[in-house]
Every structure is written in C-alpha cells, then in structure tokens.
Amino acid sequence: MCKDPNFMPFLVAFVPQLTMVDYMAVLSHDREVANAKHKPIVDRLITTEDKLIRRASVVEAEEQVKLLHKDAFVDGFEGDKFWYSLFENDFEGKSIMQLGDTEDIQIVYKELFRNSNRNMFDTGMQFYELRRNEKQAYDIAVKEEMDRIQKAGNVLTEEFVEYGAATLKDIIILVNLKDDAERKLQHGMIHELPEEYPDYVTQLNDMVKEYVKKLHTVWATLINNEVEVDEQYEDINDLLDRSIREIIQNWVEQLRGQFASLRDVEQQLFERLIESIVTYGEFRLSDTTIPENLKELVMDKDSLQNYLQLSHDKHISVIDSTEDQLGRRLKDWQEAFSIGMQVKEYQRNRARLEEISHFTNTHHGYLEDTLAFVHTTDYIPPVRGDQECTDPDVCKPLQWYERLTKRLRAKEKKFNASMMPKGSKIEAKEKAREGGGEGADGESGGTKEAESTFVL
C-alpha cells in the first residue's frame, strides 16, 4: 500500500495531525497539495463528524438533565408525564374519554395537573439546591480545616525527615569510630581503647535517645491532632446529618400537601365526568362518533358509572403509589447519605492512623538499620501497651492513643451496626446483648436558617 504514489497525499489529508511521516517532516506545500486533492471528501467527512458531535452533545446534555432530575427526585414530574401515567394501565379511562364532549374537560384538568406537577417539580429542585448548598458548605469547611492540619503535619514530618537524615549521618560516623577502635583492640593493633572512646559511646547514646524522643514527639503530636480531627468530624457530620434530615422532613411535609392537591384535582375530574357522561349520556345515543364497542355501554348508566369509578380508583392508586415510592426513595437516600458519611470518615481515620504508624515505624527502621541500636546502646524505647507509665512525656501521648482507640472501637461497632440489615436476627441478638440497644436519634427541633455555616 505504501508503494502507491497516492498513499502519502491521502495519509496527510486524512490524518492532518501528522507532522512527521517516515522520519521526515510533512512540508506545508505537500499538505496543501494533499488537501486540495482530497478536499471534497474531507469536507464531507468533517461536516458529518460535526453533526455527530453536535448530536452526541445534545444526547449527553439530555442525559445530564435526566440524571439531575433523578438526583433531585423530580423525575416523572416533568411536563405532562404524571398525567399520562394515570392512563397508562387505565383501559376504562381511555374508553370513557372517547365518549361525549370530554375534550374540554380533559384540557382543563390536564392543565390543573400540569400546574400541580410544576409545583412539585419546582419544590423538588429547591430542596435539591438546599441539600447541595449544605453539602458544599460542609465540604469547604472540612477542606479548609484538613488542609490546615495536613500542612501542619507535613511541616512536622518534613522537619523530622531533615533532622533524621543529618542525625543518622552523624550516628554512622560515631559507630564507625567506635567499631574501628574496638576492632583495632581486638586484633592487637592497639593495647587499649583511645581516650575519646567513652565520648563516642556517650554521644552515640545521647543521639539515639534524642532521635527516638523526637520521633516519639512527632508520633504523639500527630496522634493528638488526629484525635481532635476525629472529634471535630463527628460533630460536623452530626450537624450536617441533622440539617439534611430537616430538609428531607420539610420536603416530605410539602409533598403531602401537593399530593393531596392532586387527589382533589382527580376527584373533581371524576365528578365532572359523572355529570357530563352519566347524567346526560342518554342525549348522545344518536352520536355517530361513538365507537361501536362502546354504544352498548352508553345505554347503561350503571355500567358507565362503574367504568368511571374503576378509572378513578386506578388514578388514585397511581397517585398514592407515587407518593409512597417517592417517600421511600427519600428515606433510603437519607439513610445511604448518613451511612456514607460514616464510612468515609471511618476509612479516612483508619488510613491516617496507618499513615502515622507507617511513618513512625519506617524511621524507627532507619535507625535500627543504621546501627542496630538495641545491641550497641543502652537506650530503652518509651513504654508501650500495658507497661507501667512513669514518664509524663510518654504517658500523655499514650492516653491520647488509648482514647482514640476506644473511639475507633465504638465507631467501628456503630458502623457495623448501621450496615446490618434492618430486622435481621443478627441485629436482634446485638440489641438483646446490649439490653435493648439505644433508641433512634430524635429529630432536632427549631427553625433552620436559610444558610448554614460549618466551622471546625
């Protein structure tokens, strides 16, 4: 194919982003010749591609709008969707609407339904904005505080890294001097250790003690910061959770009124159809527009009324089920949102503790690898675990760590309980073991301000 004399102009014209081919630059003259030769086809391709891109953009925009409506829980209330959903499985209603002069009635009540739907749609979007604004305020506050704490932690660790690198170099020098003196004595090269040997040992022990003490101080400071962050996170998460719950509760209360309005519209429609079709139906027996399969129905008022009643009952059922379904969706979203915050904070907290532990262990390892200080010094690391604590500088961080550990265990227990299926045997056993468990969190009272300011 490459031997074809038309190959290169074709390639340059249809792959315009190429600047080099076969290790040679594509000259502007060659590009002009190639474009002129294949211009009609290239232009047609570009036009077609632009149309496809625009069409894809429109489809993507429509999908984004659908996703937004779903997130705002207003999907199904756009335009006349709800009105048409009433008749989706309503054979009786579709048949009745073919009788008599019901077109004007349909137009009037369809518009009333549209107005109610528009109110529900607008209300849903308003509450969506409230939820989004609360979450954005929360994210901004958390980010600012986390950036500040992370920056302080980075300064602390970077200072230690710089200090540790310089200290380990000095330790290596002292270890080499100490080991060299001991080796010379062992091989008979000298008869006694040099006068400065005790200084080597003293300096080495002092430097190791200082290194571990500083590392322990870094660990204690980072742990203390994490304890404070964890407590602050819990407080602000509770604040956001209460705020979101209040928004959802207010929304549900408004929805009840709006669905009640829809039922009133449906009741009015039913009564108008009864009046128009059943009461005056006998005057339309000669109407030639009545479908053949409905002419017998028109002659029987009881059948007509039963048809209308069935249609009305189905409409009410659709309205009721839509309200119930929307209520369940809102409740499920609220529970998922609350659990999601717990999961996110739980994972962040555990990851941070692992990071702190990794940093400490790594730099302990650097020291051990440098001189195996357990064998070359008389330094004993700070106490851990259940050993007796007498040093205040050591005891306080250990108390912080113990406090954080207790909080983590309680949080892990709470997190596991929240992930447990409601009404499960496991949940029942847990509640029985705990003496019935704690009651559900009560809803907070009071009036919510238009905007919330989260402060850590």
Protein backbone atom coordinates (compact mmCIF):
# COMPACT_ATOMS: atom_id res chain seq x y z
CA MET A 1 0.00 0.00 0.00
CA CYS A 2 2.82 2.42 0.86
CA LYS A 3 4.27 1.97 -2.63
CA ASP A 4 1.15 3.56 -4.11
CA PRO A 5 2.12 7.10 -5.22
CA ASN A 6 -1.21 8.41 -3.88
CA PHE A 7 -0.63 6.96 -0.42
CA MET A 8 1.29 9.87 1.11
CA PRO A 9 -1.12 12.66 0.00
CA PHE A 10 -4.03 10.51 1.19
CA LEU A 11 -2.38 9.97 4.58
CA VAL A 12 -1.53 13.65 5.04
CA ALA A 13 -5.03 14.79 4.03
CA PHE A 14 -6.99 12.34 6.18
CA VAL A 15 -4.66 12.38 9.20
CA PRO A 16 -3.97 16.13 9.46
CA GLN A 17 -2.40 15.91 12.94
CA LEU A 18 0.67 14.17 11.50
CA THR A 19 3.77 16.37 11.46
CA MET A 20 6.28 13.67 10.51
CA VAL A 21 5.99 10.55 8.35
CA ASP A 22 8.82 8.01 7.86
CA TYR A 23 11.14 10.26 9.91
CA MET A 24 10.56 13.17 7.53
CA ALA A 25 8.67 16.39 8.24
CA VAL A 26 5.42 16.99 6.36
CA LEU A 27 6.04 20.17 4.39
CA SER A 28 3.39 22.83 4.08
CA HIS A 29 3.48 22.52 0.29
CA ASP A 30 2.81 18.78 0.46
CA ARG A 31 -0.05 19.40 2.88
CA GLU A 32 -1.64 21.99 0.57
CA VAL A 33 -1.42 19.63 -2.39
CA ALA A 34 -2.89 16.76 -0.38
CA ASN A 35 -5.75 18.87 0.99
CA ALA A 36 -6.61 20.23 -2.47
CA LYS A 37 -6.70 16.72 -3.94
CA HIS A 38 -8.99 15.24 -1.27
CA LYS A 39 -10.88 18.38 -0.24
CA PRO A 40 -14.44 17.29 -1.24
CA ILE A 41 -14.27 14.04 0.69
CA VAL A 42 -12.51 15.59 3.70
CA ASP A 43 -15.04 18.43 3.87
CA ARG A 44 -17.91 15.95 3.71
CA LEU A 45 -16.36 13.88 6.50
CA ILE A 46 -15.80 16.95 8.65
CA THR A 47 -19.41 18.06 8.16
CA THR A 48 -20.70 14.61 9.05
CA GLU A 49 -18.44 14.42 12.07
CA ASP A 50 -19.54 17.84 13.29
CA LYS A 51 -23.18 16.74 13.05
CA LEU A 52 -22.40 13.60 15.01
CA ILE A 53 -20.56 15.60 17.65
CA ARG A 54 -23.42 18.07 17.99
CA ARG A 55 -25.93 15.24 18.16
CA ALA A 56 -23.82 13.47 20.79
CA SER A 57 -23.60 16.73 22.76
CA VAL A 58 -27.37 17.09 22.70
CA VAL A 59 -27.83 13.48 23.82
CA GLU A 60 -25.25 13.94 26.56
CA ALA A 61 -26.94 17.15 27.72
CA GLU A 62 -30.30 15.36 27.81
CA GLU A 63 -28.79 12.52 29.82
CA GLN A 64 -27.28 15.03 32.24
CA VAL A 65 -30.68 16.67 32.70
CA LYS A 66 -32.30 13.27 33.32
CA LEU A 67 -29.61 12.44 35.86
CA LEU A 68 -30.13 15.79 37.58
CA HIS A 69 -33.88 15.23 37.79
CA LYS A 70 -33.29 11.76 39.21
CA ASP A 71 -30.88 13.10 41.83
CA ALA A 72 -33.42 15.78 42.72
CA PHE A 73 -36.22 13.16 42.90
CA VAL A 74 -38.38 15.08 40.41
CA ASP A 75 -38.15 12.54 37.59
CA GLY A 76 -41.65 11.73 36.41
CA PHE A 77 -42.99 15.21 37.16
CA GLU A 78 -41.66 16.90 34.01
CA GLY A 79 -44.36 18.37 31.79
CA ASP A 80 -47.38 16.05 31.44
CA LYS A 81 -45.61 12.80 32.36
CA PHE A 82 -47.62 12.29 35.52
CA TRP A 83 -50.92 12.98 33.74
CA TYR A 84 -50.21 10.34 31.09
CA SER A 85 -49.03 7.87 33.73
CA LEU A 86 -52.58 7.92 35.16
CA PHE A 87 -53.93 6.40 31.94
CA GLU A 88 -51.03 4.06 31.23
CA ASN A 89 -52.89 1.00 32.59
CA ASP A 90 -56.35 2.52 32.62
CA PHE A 91 -58.42 0.83 29.90
CA GLU A 92 -61.66 2.16 31.38
CA GLY A 93 -60.43 5.74 31.43
CA LYS A 94 -59.16 5.58 27.85
CA SER A 95 -62.55 4.25 26.73
CA ILE A 96 -64.57 6.84 28.67
CA MET A 97 -62.54 9.70 27.20
CA GLN A 98 -63.87 8.71 23.75
CA LEU A 99 -67.45 9.44 24.79
CA GLY A 100 -69.26 12.72 24.59
CA ASP A 101 -67.68 16.17 24.75
CA THR A 102 -64.91 15.33 27.20
CA GLU A 103 -62.13 17.06 25.29
CA ASP A 104 -62.69 20.41 27.02
CA ILE A 105 -62.81 18.66 30.41
CA GLN A 106 -59.53 16.89 29.67
CA ILE A 107 -57.85 20.15 28.67
CA VAL A 108 -58.94 21.90 31.88
CA TYR A 109 -57.91 19.15 34.28
CA LYS A 110 -54.77 18.29 32.37
CA GLU A 111 -53.68 21.89 32.90
CA LEU A 112 -54.55 21.66 36.61
CA PHE A 113 -52.44 18.51 36.86
CA ARG A 114 -49.63 20.23 34.99
CA ASN A 115 -49.70 23.13 37.46
CA SER A 116 -49.55 20.75 40.43
CA ASN A 117 -46.73 18.81 38.80
CA ARG A 118 -44.86 22.04 38.14
CA ASN A 119 -45.18 22.99 41.81
CA MET A 120 -43.85 19.56 42.86
CA PHE A 121 -41.03 19.81 40.32
CA ASP A 122 -40.02 23.31 41.42
CA THR A 123 -40.22 22.34 45.08
CA GLY A 124 -38.03 19.30 44.49
CA MET A 125 -35.42 21.39 42.68
CA GLN A 126 -35.44 23.97 45.51
CA PHE A 127 -34.82 21.28 48.12
CA TYR A 128 -32.13 19.79 45.88
CA GLU A 129 -30.36 23.16 45.90
CA LEU A 130 -30.69 23.30 49.70
CA ARG A 131 -29.10 19.86 50.04
CA ARG A 132 -26.35 20.74 47.59
CA ASN A 133 -25.59 24.05 49.33
CA GLU A 134 -25.38 22.32 52.73
CA LYS A 135 -23.00 19.70 51.32
CA GLN A 136 -20.87 22.35 49.59
CA ALA A 137 -20.61 24.40 52.80
CA TYR A 138 -19.62 21.23 54.65
CA ASP A 139 -17.01 20.29 52.02
CA ILE A 140 -15.48 23.77 52.06
CA ALA A 141 -15.23 23.84 55.85
CA VAL A 142 -13.78 20.33 56.03
CA LYS A 143 -11.29 21.00 53.23
CA GLU A 144 -10.04 24.20 54.83
CA GLU A 145 -9.52 22.52 58.19
CA MET A 146 -7.98 19.39 56.70
CA ASP A 147 -5.62 21.47 54.56
CA ARG A 148 -4.52 23.37 57.66
CA ILE A 149 -3.97 20.21 59.69
CA GLN A 150 -2.28 18.40 56.83
CA LYS A 151 0.02 21.34 56.24
CA ALA A 152 0.97 21.43 59.94
CA GLY A 153 1.56 17.66 59.88
CA ASN A 154 3.67 17.92 56.75
CA VAL A 155 5.82 20.64 58.31
CA LEU A 156 6.31 18.46 61.38
CA THR A 157 7.26 15.33 59.43
CA GLU A 158 9.44 17.18 56.94
CA GLU A 159 11.38 18.79 59.78
CA PHE A 160 11.93 15.39 61.33
CA VAL A 161 12.97 13.85 57.99
CA GLU A 162 15.56 16.58 57.56
CA TYR A 163 16.72 16.22 61.17
CA GLY A 164 16.74 12.42 60.92
CA ALA A 165 18.87 12.32 57.76
CA ALA A 166 21.51 14.58 59.33
CA THR A 167 21.42 12.70 62.66
CA LEU A 168 21.81 9.29 61.03
CA LYS A 169 24.88 10.52 59.17
CA ASP A 170 26.42 11.65 62.46
CA ILE A 171 25.46 8.35 64.09
CA ILE A 172 27.15 6.41 61.28
CA ILE A 173 30.35 8.41 61.85
CA LEU A 174 30.27 7.69 65.60
CA VAL A 175 29.50 4.00 65.05
CA ASN A 176 32.39 3.70 62.61
CA LEU A 177 34.80 5.39 65.04
CA LYS A 178 33.57 3.21 67.91
CA ASP A 179 33.68 -0.02 65.87
CA ASP A 180 37.08 0.86 64.42
CA ALA A 181 38.56 1.34 67.91
CA GLU A 182 37.07 -1.97 69.12
CA ARG A 183 38.34 -3.80 66.03
CA LYS A 184 41.86 -2.47 66.45
CA LEU A 185 41.85 -3.51 70.10
CA GLN A 186 40.55 -6.97 69.20
CA HIS A 187 43.27 -7.52 66.59
CA GLY A 188 46.03 -6.25 68.83
CA MET A 189 46.68 -3.17 66.76
CA ILE A 190 46.28 -1.08 69.95
CA HIS A 191 46.67 -2.12 73.57
CA GLU A 192 43.78 -0.08 75.00
CA LEU A 193 40.81 1.89 73.79
CA PRO A 194 41.53 5.53 72.96
CA GLU A 195 40.69 8.21 75.48
CA GLU A 196 37.86 9.53 73.28
CA TYR A 197 36.12 6.10 73.12
CA PRO A 198 33.80 6.83 76.09
CA ASP A 199 32.82 10.05 74.36
CA TYR A 200 31.84 8.04 71.26
CA VAL A 201 29.57 5.82 73.34
CA THR A 202 28.09 8.72 75.30
CA GLN A 203 27.46 10.79 72.19
CA LEU A 204 26.01 7.78 70.40
CA ASN A 205 23.60 7.01 73.24
CA ASP A 206 22.60 10.66 73.53
CA MET A 207 21.97 10.96 69.80
CA VAL A 208 19.92 7.76 69.68
CA LYS A 209 17.86 8.86 72.68
CA GLU A 210 17.27 12.27 71.12
CA TYR A 211 16.34 10.73 67.75
CA VAL A 212 13.77 8.34 69.29
CA LYS A 213 12.45 11.04 71.61
CA LYS A 214 11.89 13.43 68.71
CA LEU A 215 10.28 10.68 66.65
CA HIS A 216 8.04 9.83 69.59
CA THR A 217 7.11 13.52 69.93
CA VAL A 218 6.16 13.62 66.25
CA TRP A 219 4.04 10.50 66.69
CA ALA A 220 2.35 11.92 69.80
CA THR A 221 1.59 15.25 68.11
CA LEU A 222 0.15 13.60 65.01
CA ILE A 223 -1.97 11.25 67.13
CA ASN A 224 -3.24 14.14 69.24
CA ASN A 225 -4.15 16.08 66.09
CA GLU A 226 -6.00 13.06 64.73
CA VAL A 227 -7.95 12.72 67.98
CA GLU A 228 -9.07 16.33 67.66
CA VAL A 229 -9.89 15.92 63.96
CA ASP A 230 -11.90 12.79 64.64
CA GLU A 231 -13.94 14.55 67.33
CA GLN A 232 -14.49 17.55 65.06
CA TYR A 233 -15.52 15.31 62.19
CA GLU A 234 -18.06 13.58 64.38
CA ASP A 235 -19.55 16.90 65.48
CA ILE A 236 -19.75 18.41 62.00
CA ASN A 237 -21.06 15.18 60.49
CA ASP A 238 -23.85 15.15 63.08
CA LEU A 239 -24.58 18.78 62.23
CA LEU A 240 -24.79 18.04 58.50
CA ASP A 241 -26.86 14.92 59.11
CA ARG A 242 -29.38 16.84 61.23
CA SER A 243 -29.54 19.60 58.64
CA ILE A 244 -30.17 17.16 55.78
CA ARG A 245 -32.77 15.28 57.83
CA GLU A 246 -34.60 18.54 58.49
CA ILE A 247 -34.55 19.42 54.78
CA ILE A 248 -35.95 16.00 53.85
CA GLN A 249 -38.60 16.20 56.58
CA ASN A 250 -39.76 19.64 55.41
CA TRP A 251 -39.83 18.40 51.84
CA VAL A 252 -41.93 15.36 52.72
CA GLU A 253 -44.42 17.57 54.56
CA GLN A 254 -44.80 19.79 51.49
CA LEU A 255 -45.16 16.74 49.27
CA ARG A 256 -48.09 15.53 51.35
CA GLY A 257 -49.93 18.76 50.65
CA GLN A 258 -49.10 18.66 46.94
CA PHE A 259 -50.23 15.05 46.54
CA ALA A 260 -53.42 15.94 48.42
CA SER A 261 -53.94 18.67 45.83
CA LEU A 262 -53.55 16.10 43.05
CA ARG A 263 -56.18 13.90 44.66
CA ASP A 264 -58.54 16.88 44.81
CA VAL A 265 -58.00 17.51 41.08
CA GLU A 266 -58.65 13.84 40.33
CA GLN A 267 -61.83 13.92 42.44
CA GLN A 268 -63.06 17.00 40.58
CA LEU A 269 -62.32 15.31 37.24
CA PHE A 270 -64.26 12.23 38.32
CA GLU A 271 -67.30 14.31 39.36
CA ARG A 272 -67.26 16.31 36.12
CA LEU A 273 -67.12 13.13 34.04
CA ILE A 274 -70.00 11.66 36.02
CA GLU A 275 -72.02 14.79 35.35
CA SER A 276 -71.09 15.02 31.68
CA ILE A 277 -71.26 11.38 30.64
CA VAL A 278 -73.58 9.56 33.03
CA THR A 279 -76.14 12.25 33.76
CA TYR A 280 -76.52 13.46 30.17
CA GLY A 281 -75.33 10.36 28.33
CA GLU A 282 -78.82 9.44 27.04
CA PHE A 283 -78.83 12.52 24.80
CA ARG A 284 -75.83 11.21 22.89
CA LEU A 285 -77.22 7.86 21.77
CA SER A 286 -77.50 9.16 18.23
CA ASP A 287 -73.88 10.38 18.21
CA THR A 288 -72.26 8.74 15.19
CA THR A 289 -68.76 9.33 16.56
CA ILE A 290 -69.21 6.82 19.40
CA PRO A 291 -67.11 3.68 18.73
CA GLU A 292 -69.18 0.55 18.04
CA ASN A 293 -67.78 -1.31 21.06
CA LEU A 294 -68.98 1.46 23.37
CA LYS A 295 -72.50 2.05 22.09
CA GLU A 296 -73.98 -0.58 24.37
CA LEU A 297 -72.07 0.88 27.30
CA VAL A 298 -73.60 4.32 26.68
CA MET A 299 -77.08 2.89 27.08
CA ASP A 300 -76.35 1.57 30.59
CA LYS A 301 -75.79 4.31 33.16
CA ASP A 302 -74.74 1.84 35.85
CA SER A 303 -72.04 0.39 33.63
CA LEU A 304 -70.88 3.86 32.71
CA GLN A 305 -70.63 4.84 36.38
CA ASN A 306 -68.77 1.61 37.19
CA TYR A 307 -66.31 2.32 34.36
CA LEU A 308 -65.72 5.80 35.69
CA GLN A 309 -65.33 4.50 39.25
CA LEU A 310 -62.73 1.92 38.15
CA SER A 311 -60.85 4.59 36.24
CA HIS A 312 -60.98 6.95 39.21
CA ASP A 313 -59.76 4.23 41.61
CA LYS A 314 -56.81 3.46 39.34
CA HIS A 315 -55.87 7.13 39.17
CA ILE A 316 -55.98 7.43 42.95
CA SER A 317 -53.90 4.25 43.21
CA VAL A 318 -51.25 5.72 40.88
CA ILE A 319 -51.13 8.93 42.92
CA ASP A 320 -50.87 7.03 46.22
CA SER A 321 -48.19 4.64 44.97
CA THR A 322 -46.18 7.53 43.52
CA GLU A 323 -46.29 9.32 46.86
CA ASP A 324 -45.28 6.17 48.75
CA GLN A 325 -42.47 5.40 46.31
CA LEU A 326 -41.12 8.95 46.49
CA GLY A 327 -41.22 8.84 50.30
CA ARG A 328 -39.28 5.56 50.32
CA ARG A 329 -36.71 6.92 47.89
CA LEU A 330 -36.15 9.98 50.08
CA LYS A 331 -35.83 7.84 53.20
CA ASP A 332 -33.42 5.40 51.51
CA TRP A 333 -31.33 8.29 50.20
CA GLN A 334 -31.17 9.86 53.67
CA GLU A 335 -30.03 6.59 55.25
CA ALA A 336 -27.47 5.98 52.49
CA PHE A 337 -26.16 9.55 52.85
CA SER A 338 -25.79 9.19 56.62
CA ILE A 339 -24.04 5.82 56.33
CA GLY A 340 -21.87 7.16 53.51
CA MET A 341 -20.55 9.94 55.76
CA GLN A 342 -19.75 7.38 58.48
CA VAL A 343 -17.98 5.11 56.02
CA LYS A 344 -15.96 7.95 54.51
CA GLU A 345 -14.81 9.28 57.89
CA TYR A 346 -14.12 5.78 59.22
CA GLN A 347 -11.93 4.98 56.21
CA ARG A 348 -10.16 8.35 56.38
CA ASN A 349 -9.44 7.91 60.07
CA ARG A 350 -8.06 4.40 59.69
CA ALA A 351 -5.96 5.41 56.69
CA ARG A 352 -4.50 8.35 58.63
CA LEU A 353 -3.60 6.13 61.60
CA GLU A 354 -1.90 3.68 59.24
CA GLU A 355 -0.01 6.57 57.66
CA ILE A 356 1.19 7.82 61.05
CA SER A 357 2.15 4.31 62.12
CA HIS A 358 3.98 3.71 58.85
CA PHE A 359 5.94 6.94 59.19
CA THR A 360 6.98 6.12 62.76
CA ASN A 361 7.89 2.51 62.04
CA THR A 362 9.82 3.47 58.93
CA HIS A 363 12.04 5.94 60.76
CA HIS A 364 12.49 3.53 63.65
CA GLY A 365 13.60 1.07 61.00
CA TYR A 366 16.06 3.56 59.53
CA LEU A 367 17.68 3.91 62.93
CA GLU A 368 17.78 0.16 63.54
CA ASP A 369 19.20 -0.49 60.08
CA THR A 370 21.82 2.18 60.60
CA LEU A 371 23.38 0.91 63.80
CA ALA A 372 21.24 -1.89 65.26
CA PHE A 373 20.99 0.30 68.37
CA VAL A 374 19.43 -2.44 70.50
CA HIS A 375 22.88 -4.06 70.62
CA THR A 376 25.13 -1.03 70.54
CA THR A 377 23.42 1.28 73.02
CA ASP A 378 21.83 1.07 76.43
CA TYR A 379 18.77 3.07 75.31
CA ILE A 380 15.32 1.65 76.17
CA PRO A 381 12.42 2.90 73.97
CA PRO A 382 9.35 4.54 75.55
CA VAL A 383 6.92 2.13 77.21
CA ARG A 384 4.04 0.72 75.20
CA GLY A 385 0.87 -1.21 75.89
CA ASP A 386 0.13 -2.23 79.45
CA GLN A 387 3.60 -1.47 80.89
CA GLU A 388 3.71 0.93 83.80
CA CYS A 389 3.98 4.52 82.62
CA THR A 390 6.01 6.96 84.70
CA ASP A 391 7.34 9.49 82.19
CA PRO A 392 4.78 12.33 81.67
CA ASP A 393 6.08 12.95 78.14
CA VAL A 394 5.28 9.34 77.32
CA CYS A 395 2.10 8.90 79.38
CA LYS A 396 0.14 11.75 77.79
CA PRO A 397 0.50 10.54 74.18
CA LEU A 398 -0.33 7.01 75.29
CA GLN A 399 -3.50 8.32 76.93
CA TRP A 400 -4.38 10.14 73.70
CA TYR A 401 -3.82 6.98 71.73
CA GLU A 402 -5.87 4.92 74.16
CA ARG A 403 -8.70 7.44 73.89
CA LEU A 404 -8.59 7.35 70.12
CA THR A 405 -8.55 3.56 70.12
CA LYS A 406 -11.69 3.46 72.27
CA ARG A 407 -13.39 5.92 69.93
CA LEU A 408 -12.41 3.82 66.94
CA ARG A 409 -13.79 0.67 68.51
CA ALA A 410 -17.07 2.41 69.30
CA LYS A 411 -17.18 3.87 65.80
CA GLU A 412 -16.45 0.50 64.21
CA LYS A 413 -19.23 -1.08 66.28
CA LYS A 414 -21.65 1.68 65.29
CA PHE A 415 -20.59 1.39 61.66
CA ASN A 416 -21.08 -2.38 61.60
CA ALA A 417 -24.50 -1.96 63.23
CA SER A 418 -25.54 0.60 60.60
CA MET A 419 -24.59 -1.80 57.82
CA MET A 420 -26.65 -4.60 59.37
CA PRO A 421 -29.92 -5.43 57.56
CA LYS A 422 -32.90 -3.97 59.41
CA GLY A 423 -34.90 -6.58 61.29
CA SER A 424 -32.22 -9.25 60.91
CA LYS A 425 -31.56 -11.90 63.54
CA ILE A 426 -28.05 -10.53 63.98
CA GLU A 427 -29.44 -7.08 64.79
CA ALA A 428 -31.91 -8.60 67.25
CA LYS A 429 -29.13 -10.52 69.02
CA GLU A 430 -26.98 -7.37 69.23
CA LYS A 431 -29.84 -5.39 70.75
CA ALA A 432 -30.64 -8.18 73.18
CA ARG A 433 -26.99 -8.42 74.21
CA GLU A 434 -26.85 -4.66 74.79
CA GLY A 435 -30.07 -4.65 76.79
CA GLY A 436 -32.33 -3.39 74.07
CA GLY A 437 -29.90 -1.03 72.40
CA GLU A 438 -30.15 2.68 72.04
CA GLY A 439 -33.22 4.34 70.67
CA ALA A 440 -33.31 6.11 67.36
CA ASP A 441 -31.89 9.55 67.22
CA GLY A 442 -34.56 12.15 67.72
CA GLU A 443 -35.16 14.78 65.11
CA SER A 444 -33.81 18.16 66.04
CA GLY A 445 -36.33 20.93 66.51
CA GLY A 446 -36.11 24.61 65.83
CA THR A 447 -36.15 26.66 62.66
CA LYS A 448 -33.38 26.17 60.16
CA GLU A 449 -31.68 29.23 58.78
CA ALA A 450 -31.51 29.72 55.04
CA GLU A 451 -27.75 29.11 55.00
CA SER A 452 -25.59 27.13 57.39
CA THR A 453 -22.01 27.92 58.21
CA PHE A 454 -19.92 24.95 59.27
CA VAL A 455 -16.96 25.76 61.49
CA LEU A 456 -14.45 23.18 62.65
